Protein backbone atom coordinates (compact mmCIF):
# COMPACT_ATOMS: atom_id res chain seq x y z
CA UNK A 1 -4.82 -8.09 -32.19
CA UNK A 2 -4.17 -7.48 -35.94
CA UNK A 3 -1.47 -5.07 -36.46
CA UNK A 4 0.69 -3.18 -38.93
CA UNK A 5 3.54 -0.70 -38.69
CA UNK A 6 3.60 2.54 -40.30
CA UNK A 7 7.38 3.14 -39.63
CA UNK A 8 10.62 2.05 -41.12
CA UNK A 9 12.61 -0.60 -39.52
CA UNK A 10 14.42 0.46 -36.23
CA UNK A 11 17.31 -1.95 -36.69
CA UNK A 12 18.98 -3.03 -39.81
CA UNK A 13 19.26 -6.67 -40.85
CA UNK A 14 23.05 -6.40 -40.52
CA UNK A 15 22.70 -5.80 -36.77
CA UNK A 16 25.02 -2.81 -36.73
CA UNK A 17 24.16 -2.19 -33.01
CA UNK A 18 25.26 -5.73 -32.06
CA UNK A 19 21.76 -6.31 -30.67
CA UNK A 20 21.43 -9.45 -28.51
CA UNK A 21 18.60 -11.48 -29.94
CA UNK A 22 16.91 -14.26 -28.10
CA UNK A 23 18.48 -17.82 -28.66
CA UNK A 24 17.39 -19.24 -31.96
CA UNK A 25 16.34 -15.80 -33.48
CA UNK A 26 18.50 -14.51 -36.43
CA UNK A 27 18.84 -10.75 -36.99
CA UNK A 28 15.97 -9.30 -39.03
CA UNK A 29 14.49 -5.92 -39.76
CA UNK A 30 12.67 -4.95 -36.58
CA UNK A 31 9.45 -3.06 -36.78
CA UNK A 32 8.44 -2.18 -33.25
CA UNK A 33 5.87 0.73 -33.38
CA UNK A 34 2.77 -0.99 -34.23
CA UNK A 35 -0.84 0.11 -34.60
CA UNK A 36 -3.85 -1.99 -35.23
CA UNK A 37 -7.16 -3.30 -34.12
CA UNK A 38 -8.11 -5.74 -31.30
CA UNK A 39 -9.50 -8.78 -32.73
CA UNK A 40 -9.82 -10.90 -29.41
CA UNK A 41 -9.34 -10.45 -25.71
CA UNK A 42 -8.69 -12.86 -22.89
CA UNK A 43 -11.03 -13.68 -20.12
CA UNK A 44 -9.31 -11.49 -17.67
CA UNK A 45 -8.72 -8.52 -19.96
CA UNK A 46 -10.75 -5.41 -18.64
CA UNK A 47 -9.11 -2.47 -20.53
CA UNK A 48 -9.93 -3.39 -24.06
CA UNK A 49 -12.50 -4.84 -26.18
CA UNK A 50 -12.51 -6.41 -29.76
CA UNK A 51 -12.61 -3.60 -32.30
CA UNK A 52 -10.65 -0.97 -30.35
CA UNK A 53 -7.84 0.92 -32.18
CA UNK A 54 -4.79 0.32 -30.13
CA UNK A 55 -0.83 0.60 -30.36
CA UNK A 56 1.97 -1.40 -29.02
CA UNK A 57 5.49 0.02 -28.26
CA UNK A 58 8.71 -1.99 -27.92
CA UNK A 59 7.57 -4.47 -25.33
CA UNK A 60 4.79 -6.89 -24.83
CA UNK A 61 5.54 -8.13 -21.44
CA UNK A 62 7.73 -8.04 -18.21
CA UNK A 63 8.10 -10.05 -15.09
CA UNK A 64 6.09 -7.48 -13.11
CA UNK A 65 7.76 -8.22 -9.82
CA UNK A 66 11.27 -6.86 -9.94
CA UNK A 67 12.58 -3.55 -8.72
CA UNK A 68 12.15 -1.77 -11.99
CA UNK A 69 8.66 -3.26 -12.78
CA UNK A 70 7.46 -2.25 -9.24
CA UNK A 71 8.94 1.28 -9.84
CA UNK A 72 6.86 1.67 -13.08
CA UNK A 73 10.06 1.31 -15.16
CA UNK A 74 9.25 -2.02 -16.97
CA UNK A 75 11.36 -0.97 -19.80
CA UNK A 76 14.42 -1.87 -17.73
CA UNK A 77 13.18 -5.29 -16.54
CA UNK A 78 15.77 -7.87 -17.24
CA UNK A 79 12.90 -10.39 -18.24
CA UNK A 80 10.98 -8.03 -20.54
CA UNK A 81 9.88 -9.52 -23.85
CA UNK A 82 10.41 -7.28 -26.85
CA UNK A 83 7.90 -6.67 -29.43
CA UNK A 84 10.26 -8.08 -32.01
CA UNK A 85 13.46 -10.27 -31.80
CA UNK A 86 12.28 -11.88 -28.53
CA UNK A 87 10.56 -14.97 -27.32
CA UNK A 88 7.05 -15.03 -25.73
CA UNK A 89 6.31 -17.50 -22.85
CA UNK A 90 5.48 -20.30 -25.27
CA UNK A 91 8.78 -19.83 -27.16
CA UNK A 92 6.82 -18.08 -29.98
CA UNK A 93 9.20 -15.65 -31.72
CA UNK A 94 8.02 -12.09 -31.69
CA UNK A 95 8.14 -10.34 -35.12
CA UNK A 96 6.69 -6.94 -34.36
CA UNK A 97 5.15 -5.10 -37.30
CA UNK A 98 5.83 -7.95 -39.67
CA UNK A 99 3.32 -10.19 -37.92
CA UNK A 100 -0.11 -10.73 -39.31
CA UNK A 101 -1.26 -10.60 -35.71
CA UNK A 102 0.22 -10.46 -32.22
CA UNK A 103 -0.45 -11.10 -28.57
CA UNK A 104 0.28 -8.47 -25.94
CA UNK A 105 -0.58 -7.97 -22.23
CA UNK A 106 -2.94 -5.29 -21.72
CA UNK A 107 -0.67 -3.12 -19.61
CA UNK A 108 1.64 -2.58 -22.69
CA UNK A 109 -1.22 -1.63 -25.10
CA UNK A 110 -2.13 2.06 -25.67
CA UNK A 111 -5.64 2.99 -26.69
CA UNK A 112 -5.82 5.27 -29.89
CA UNK A 113 -8.53 7.72 -30.11
CA UNK A 114 -11.20 7.02 -32.92
CA UNK A 115 -10.49 10.47 -34.64
CA UNK A 116 -6.61 9.83 -34.64
CA UNK A 117 -5.45 8.22 -37.97
CA UNK A 118 -3.34 5.01 -37.45
CA UNK A 119 -0.60 6.25 -39.81
CA UNK A 120 -0.23 9.44 -37.79
CA UNK A 121 -0.15 7.63 -34.47
CA UNK A 122 2.58 4.94 -35.17
CA UNK A 123 5.53 7.46 -35.13
CA UNK A 124 4.45 8.53 -31.49
CA UNK A 125 5.15 5.11 -30.31
CA UNK A 126 8.74 5.30 -31.14
CA UNK A 127 10.13 8.64 -32.13
CA UNK A 128 7.48 10.37 -29.97
CA UNK A 129 8.19 8.66 -26.63
CA UNK A 130 11.87 8.67 -27.34
CA UNK A 131 11.91 12.49 -27.06
CA UNK A 132 8.75 13.09 -24.92
CA UNK A 133 9.80 10.91 -22.14
CA UNK A 134 13.22 12.51 -21.41
CA UNK A 135 11.82 15.99 -21.81
CA UNK A 136 9.31 15.33 -19.20
CA UNK A 137 11.69 13.28 -16.86
CA UNK A 138 14.40 15.89 -16.92
CA UNK A 139 11.98 18.87 -16.56
CA UNK A 140 12.52 20.26 -19.99
CA UNK A 141 8.77 20.73 -20.49
CA UNK A 142 8.27 24.25 -18.84
CA UNK A 143 6.92 27.14 -20.94
CA UNK A 144 9.55 29.73 -21.43
CA UNK A 145 12.41 27.37 -21.42
CA UNK A 146 14.91 27.39 -24.37
CA UNK A 147 15.97 24.05 -25.77
CA UNK A 148 17.98 22.90 -28.72
CA UNK A 149 17.25 20.00 -30.94
CA UNK A 150 20.24 18.58 -32.82
CA UNK A 151 19.27 16.90 -36.05
CA UNK A 152 15.90 17.23 -37.87
CA UNK A 153 15.33 13.54 -38.70
CA UNK A 154 12.43 11.47 -37.45
CA UNK A 155 13.10 12.20 -33.81
CA UNK A 156 14.04 15.77 -34.27
CA UNK A 157 10.85 16.54 -36.13
CA UNK A 158 8.69 15.24 -33.18
CA UNK A 159 10.81 16.92 -30.45
CA UNK A 160 10.32 20.30 -32.16
CA UNK A 161 6.51 19.78 -32.18
CA UNK A 162 6.30 18.70 -28.69
CA UNK A 163 8.51 21.48 -27.31
CA UNK A 164 6.39 23.98 -29.19
CA UNK A 165 3.11 22.58 -27.88
CA UNK A 166 4.69 23.03 -24.39
CA UNK A 167 5.33 26.64 -24.94
CA UNK A 168 9.16 26.28 -25.18
CA UNK A 169 11.59 28.32 -27.32
CA UNK A 170 13.16 25.91 -29.90
CA UNK A 171 16.58 26.26 -31.72
CA UNK A 172 17.11 23.57 -34.27
CA UNK A 173 20.89 22.69 -34.62
CA UNK A 174 22.12 21.33 -37.87
CA UNK A 175 25.24 20.97 -39.90
CA UNK A 176 24.01 23.08 -42.88
CA UNK A 177 21.44 25.47 -43.96
CA UNK A 178 19.46 22.77 -45.82
CA UNK A 179 16.74 22.27 -43.36
CA UNK A 180 16.31 25.85 -42.26
CA UNK A 181 13.06 26.50 -44.04
CA UNK A 182 11.63 23.19 -42.94
CA UNK A 183 12.42 23.96 -39.33
CA UNK A 184 11.30 27.47 -39.09
CA UNK A 185 8.50 27.69 -41.51
CA UNK A 186 6.92 24.19 -41.51
CA UNK A 187 7.61 23.06 -37.79
CA UNK A 188 7.61 26.44 -36.19
CA UNK A 189 11.06 26.44 -34.52
CA UNK A 190 12.28 29.84 -33.35
CA UNK A 191 15.73 29.72 -34.36
CA UNK A 192 18.22 27.75 -36.63
CA UNK A 193 21.77 27.25 -35.84
CA UNK A 194 24.35 25.88 -38.21
CA UNK A 195 26.80 23.82 -36.06
CA UNK A 196 29.73 24.28 -38.45
CA UNK A 197 29.57 28.03 -38.28
CA UNK A 198 31.87 29.07 -35.56
CA UNK A 199 30.32 32.65 -35.25
CA UNK A 200 26.81 31.32 -34.99
CA UNK A 201 28.08 28.80 -32.21
CA UNK A 202 29.76 31.43 -30.44
CA UNK A 203 26.73 33.77 -30.37
CA UNK A 204 24.53 30.90 -28.92
CA UNK A 205 26.88 29.89 -26.14
CA UNK A 206 25.21 29.49 -22.72
CA UNK A 207 21.63 30.23 -24.11
CA UNK A 208 19.89 26.85 -23.73
CA UNK A 209 18.32 25.13 -20.74
CA UNK A 210 18.65 21.76 -22.44
CA UNK A 211 19.49 20.03 -25.65
CA UNK A 212 17.90 16.87 -27.22
CA UNK A 213 20.61 15.31 -29.49
CA UNK A 214 18.85 13.08 -31.96
CA UNK A 215 21.64 12.40 -34.33
CA UNK A 216 22.43 8.74 -34.91
CA UNK A 217 25.74 9.34 -36.69
CA UNK A 218 29.00 9.94 -34.97
CA UNK A 219 29.43 13.72 -34.39
CA UNK A 220 31.37 16.01 -32.05
CA UNK A 221 29.51 16.70 -28.78
CA UNK A 222 31.91 19.10 -26.98
CA UNK A 223 30.86 22.13 -29.28
CA UNK A 224 27.19 21.39 -28.42
CA UNK A 225 27.94 21.36 -24.59
CA UNK A 226 29.02 25.06 -24.78
CA UNK A 227 25.43 25.96 -25.80
CA UNK A 228 24.16 25.01 -22.56
CA UNK A 229 23.36 27.33 -19.63
CA UNK A 230 24.88 26.59 -16.10
CA UNK A 231 23.27 23.22 -15.05
CA UNK A 232 21.89 22.72 -18.36
CA UNK A 233 20.92 19.19 -19.62
CA UNK A 234 22.20 17.34 -22.74
CA UNK A 235 19.97 14.27 -23.51
CA UNK A 236 21.51 11.90 -26.07
CA UNK A 237 18.80 9.81 -27.89
CA UNK A 238 20.28 9.35 -31.34
CA UNK A 239 22.41 6.14 -30.45
CA UNK A 240 25.44 6.35 -32.72
CA UNK A 241 26.84 2.98 -33.48
CA UNK A 242 30.32 4.32 -32.41
CA UNK A 243 31.48 6.53 -29.52
CA UNK A 244 31.02 10.31 -30.17
């Protein structure tokens, strides 16, 4: 397939997260949410045809036989091949969205509806699934629930939109008022909470069924825990480079 990425790189070239690259692969900017058009299919491919609009996430293959693969959790496969920073079976290095074309097994390709623009689809393959998957897995997808979204960056925006589409009450939690209008007016969040305001935090204690923390910078977590109801769930997806 020919491919292009519509997102900014997921890892910096300085490798702040100490990512373990495959042998012989130097750190580089990793573009791993890719959209494009199928240009050719193998003889055994049955799900796609040349000309189809498709997307590829952060893996292009896995062993298919280990415990995680047989449990439909291929993203934990110790032999999975990443879309960028890995090596394919023929020792070809995968460069993700910086490639002019790429090869991917059909089970790791997603069909994109014809009426969905490619540039609008790409964020769903990274930020989208990063928040949607844990919301579904941990049961934070029921109408009438109340969840908090910490941070209104790339992940936070999509988390708010998914939650509202599910019929969930959403409180955006941020360190200042700067994004209040964006959260409430443009994205449709129900409430906005400034985490550095002790009175606001106190009033919101024990009100949320779950919290999606999308912040990638080091930040205090204990105050956020107080916002949860009994048996509430805190999901960390921001991946700070240092312990919080």
